């Protein structure tokens, strides 16, 4: 991934789908999620895989929402 300081994840087309999946989450909450490790992503952060595997990030976003509503 590009240098995080120079990388604007919000400009990626996949972020439209992530934001739809997380529609009731604030942008700040999504930003924290993007920087947090994910069991769904094998311990990686969504930011670590968003450029190479955006569909996995969308699936992870949906999983995060489901887990928030119905914790495992």
N, C-alpha and C. Protein backbone atom coordinates (compact mmCIF):
# COMPACT_ATOMS: atom_id res chain seq x y z
N UNK A 1 0.84 -1.18 0.00
CA UNK A 1 0.00 0.00 0.00
C UNK A 1 0.88 1.24 0.00
N UNK A 2 0.37 2.29 -0.58
CA UNK A 2 1.08 3.57 -0.59
C UNK A 2 1.28 4.04 0.84
N UNK A 3 2.18 4.98 1.02
CA UNK A 3 2.41 5.59 2.32
C UNK A 3 1.07 6.07 2.87
N UNK A 4 0.70 5.62 4.08
CA UNK A 4 -0.61 5.97 4.64
C UNK A 4 -0.82 7.47 4.72
N UNK A 5 0.22 8.22 4.97
CA UNK A 5 0.07 9.67 5.07
C UNK A 5 -0.37 10.28 3.74
N UNK A 6 0.02 9.65 2.64
CA UNK A 6 -0.31 10.15 1.31
C UNK A 6 -1.52 9.45 0.68
N UNK A 7 -2.11 8.51 1.41
CA UNK A 7 -3.14 7.64 0.87
C UNK A 7 -4.51 8.10 1.35
N UNK A 8 -5.40 8.43 0.42
CA UNK A 8 -6.76 8.83 0.78
C UNK A 8 -7.71 7.69 0.45
N UNK A 9 -7.93 6.84 1.43
CA UNK A 9 -8.77 5.66 1.24
C UNK A 9 -10.18 6.04 0.80
N UNK A 10 -10.65 7.21 1.19
CA UNK A 10 -12.02 7.62 0.88
C UNK A 10 -12.21 7.84 -0.62
N UNK A 11 -11.12 7.97 -1.37
CA UNK A 11 -11.22 8.17 -2.81
C UNK A 11 -11.35 6.85 -3.59
N UNK A 12 -11.12 5.74 -2.93
CA UNK A 12 -11.22 4.44 -3.60
C UNK A 12 -12.70 4.12 -3.88
N UNK A 13 -13.01 3.63 -5.06
CA UNK A 13 -14.40 3.28 -5.39
C UNK A 13 -15.03 2.29 -4.41
N UNK A 14 -14.24 1.36 -3.86
CA UNK A 14 -14.77 0.37 -2.94
C UNK A 14 -15.35 1.01 -1.67
N UNK A 15 -14.89 2.20 -1.33
CA UNK A 15 -15.38 2.84 -0.12
C UNK A 15 -16.86 3.20 -0.20
N UNK A 16 -17.40 3.39 -1.40
CA UNK A 16 -18.84 3.61 -1.52
C UNK A 16 -19.59 2.39 -1.00
N UNK A 17 -19.12 1.21 -1.37
CA UNK A 17 -19.76 -0.02 -0.92
C UNK A 17 -19.54 -0.26 0.57
N UNK A 18 -18.35 0.05 1.06
CA UNK A 18 -18.09 -0.08 2.49
C UNK A 18 -19.02 0.84 3.27
N UNK A 19 -19.16 2.07 2.83
CA UNK A 19 -20.03 3.01 3.53
C UNK A 19 -21.50 2.58 3.47
N UNK A 20 -21.93 1.97 2.36
CA UNK A 20 -23.30 1.44 2.30
C UNK A 20 -23.48 0.29 3.29
N UNK A 21 -22.47 -0.59 3.37
CA UNK A 21 -22.55 -1.71 4.30
C UNK A 21 -22.59 -1.24 5.76
N UNK A 22 -21.92 -0.13 6.02
CA UNK A 22 -21.83 0.41 7.37
C UNK A 22 -22.64 1.70 7.48
N UNK A 23 -23.79 1.72 6.87
CA UNK A 23 -24.55 2.96 6.67
C UNK A 23 -24.87 3.72 7.95
N UNK A 24 -25.04 3.04 9.06
CA UNK A 24 -25.37 3.77 10.28
C UNK A 24 -24.13 4.09 11.12
N UNK A 25 -22.95 3.68 10.65
CA UNK A 25 -21.71 4.03 11.33
C UNK A 25 -21.26 5.42 10.87
N UNK A 26 -20.70 6.17 11.78
CA UNK A 26 -20.15 7.47 11.40
C UNK A 26 -18.86 7.26 10.59
N UNK A 27 -18.48 8.30 9.88
CA UNK A 27 -17.23 8.23 9.12
C UNK A 27 -16.04 8.00 10.05
N UNK A 28 -16.09 8.57 11.23
CA UNK A 28 -15.02 8.39 12.21
C UNK A 28 -14.97 6.93 12.68
N UNK A 29 -16.12 6.32 12.89
CA UNK A 29 -16.18 4.92 13.32
C UNK A 29 -15.61 4.02 12.22
N UNK A 30 -15.96 4.31 10.97
CA UNK A 30 -15.42 3.54 9.84
C UNK A 30 -13.90 3.72 9.77
N UNK A 31 -13.43 4.93 9.99
CA UNK A 31 -11.98 5.19 9.95
C UNK A 31 -11.25 4.38 11.01
N UNK A 32 -11.81 4.29 12.20
CA UNK A 32 -11.21 3.47 13.26
C UNK A 32 -11.20 2.01 12.83
N UNK A 33 -12.31 1.54 12.27
CA UNK A 33 -12.41 0.15 11.80
C UNK A 33 -11.34 -0.12 10.73
N UNK A 34 -11.15 0.80 9.80
CA UNK A 34 -10.15 0.62 8.74
C UNK A 34 -8.75 0.42 9.29
N UNK A 35 -8.45 1.02 10.43
CA UNK A 35 -7.12 0.96 11.03
C UNK A 35 -6.98 -0.16 12.06
N UNK A 36 -8.06 -0.88 12.33
CA UNK A 36 -8.05 -1.92 13.36
C UNK A 36 -7.84 -3.30 12.73
N UNK A 37 -7.15 -4.16 13.46
CA UNK A 37 -6.96 -5.52 12.97
C UNK A 37 -8.30 -6.25 12.97
N UNK A 38 -8.40 -7.23 12.08
CA UNK A 38 -9.66 -7.94 11.88
C UNK A 38 -9.42 -9.45 11.86
N UNK A 39 -10.14 -10.18 12.68
CA UNK A 39 -10.07 -11.64 12.62
C UNK A 39 -10.56 -12.12 11.26
N UNK A 40 -11.57 -11.46 10.72
CA UNK A 40 -12.12 -11.82 9.40
C UNK A 40 -11.04 -11.75 8.33
N UNK A 41 -10.11 -10.82 8.48
CA UNK A 41 -9.03 -10.62 7.51
C UNK A 41 -7.73 -11.28 7.97
N UNK A 42 -7.82 -12.25 8.85
CA UNK A 42 -6.63 -12.98 9.30
C UNK A 42 -5.67 -12.14 10.10
N UNK A 43 -6.19 -11.18 10.85
CA UNK A 43 -5.34 -10.34 11.69
C UNK A 43 -4.81 -9.09 11.01
N UNK A 44 -5.12 -8.94 9.73
CA UNK A 44 -4.72 -7.73 9.01
C UNK A 44 -5.76 -6.63 9.22
N UNK A 45 -5.38 -5.42 8.90
CA UNK A 45 -6.30 -4.29 8.94
C UNK A 45 -6.97 -4.16 7.57
N UNK A 46 -8.20 -3.67 7.51
CA UNK A 46 -8.79 -3.42 6.20
C UNK A 46 -7.88 -2.58 5.30
N UNK A 47 -7.18 -1.62 5.87
CA UNK A 47 -6.26 -0.80 5.07
C UNK A 47 -5.13 -1.62 4.45
N UNK A 48 -4.79 -2.74 5.08
CA UNK A 48 -3.70 -3.57 4.57
C UNK A 48 -4.08 -4.30 3.28
N UNK A 49 -5.37 -4.52 3.07
CA UNK A 49 -5.79 -5.34 1.93
C UNK A 49 -6.74 -4.63 0.96
N UNK A 50 -7.11 -3.41 1.28
CA UNK A 50 -8.16 -2.74 0.51
C UNK A 50 -7.80 -2.55 -0.96
N UNK A 51 -6.55 -2.30 -1.27
CA UNK A 51 -6.17 -2.09 -2.68
C UNK A 51 -6.09 -3.40 -3.46
N UNK A 52 -5.63 -4.47 -2.81
CA UNK A 52 -5.44 -5.74 -3.50
C UNK A 52 -6.65 -6.65 -3.46
N UNK A 53 -7.51 -6.50 -2.45
CA UNK A 53 -8.65 -7.40 -2.31
C UNK A 53 -9.86 -6.64 -1.76
N UNK A 54 -10.37 -5.68 -2.51
CA UNK A 54 -11.47 -4.85 -2.01
C UNK A 54 -12.73 -5.64 -1.66
N UNK A 55 -12.99 -6.73 -2.36
CA UNK A 55 -14.20 -7.51 -2.05
C UNK A 55 -14.11 -8.14 -0.66
N UNK A 56 -12.91 -8.50 -0.23
CA UNK A 56 -12.72 -9.02 1.13
C UNK A 56 -12.97 -7.95 2.17
N UNK A 57 -12.62 -6.72 1.85
CA UNK A 57 -12.84 -5.62 2.77
C UNK A 57 -14.34 -5.35 2.91
N UNK A 58 -15.06 -5.39 1.80
CA UNK A 58 -16.52 -5.21 1.86
C UNK A 58 -17.15 -6.33 2.68
N UNK A 59 -16.72 -7.56 2.46
CA UNK A 59 -17.24 -8.68 3.24
C UNK A 59 -16.92 -8.51 4.73
N UNK A 60 -15.74 -8.00 5.02
CA UNK A 60 -15.35 -7.74 6.40
C UNK A 60 -16.21 -6.63 7.01
N UNK A 61 -16.52 -5.62 6.23
CA UNK A 61 -17.39 -4.54 6.71
C UNK A 61 -18.76 -5.09 7.07
N UNK A 62 -19.31 -5.92 6.20
CA UNK A 62 -20.62 -6.53 6.48
C UNK A 62 -20.56 -7.40 7.73
N UNK A 63 -19.46 -8.15 7.86
CA UNK A 63 -19.27 -9.00 9.04
C UNK A 63 -19.19 -8.16 10.31
N UNK A 64 -18.50 -7.05 10.26
CA UNK A 64 -18.37 -6.17 11.43
C UNK A 64 -19.73 -5.65 11.87
N UNK A 65 -20.56 -5.28 10.90
CA UNK A 65 -21.90 -4.77 11.23
C UNK A 65 -22.74 -5.88 11.87
N UNK A 66 -22.72 -7.07 11.27
CA UNK A 66 -23.48 -8.20 11.80
C UNK A 66 -23.01 -8.51 13.22
N UNK A 67 -21.70 -8.52 13.44
CA UNK A 67 -21.16 -8.83 14.75
C UNK A 67 -21.47 -7.75 15.77
N UNK A 68 -21.64 -6.53 15.33
CA UNK A 68 -22.01 -5.47 16.26
C UNK A 68 -23.47 -5.64 16.69
N UNK A 69 -24.32 -6.04 15.75
CA UNK A 69 -25.74 -6.23 16.05
C UNK A 69 -25.95 -7.50 16.86
N UNK A 70 -25.29 -8.57 16.45
CA UNK A 70 -25.39 -9.89 17.11
C UNK A 70 -23.99 -10.39 17.44
N UNK A 71 -23.44 -9.98 18.57
CA UNK A 71 -22.08 -10.39 18.92
C UNK A 71 -21.93 -11.91 18.92
N UNK A 72 -20.76 -12.38 18.46
CA UNK A 72 -20.54 -13.85 18.42
C UNK A 72 -20.54 -14.47 19.80
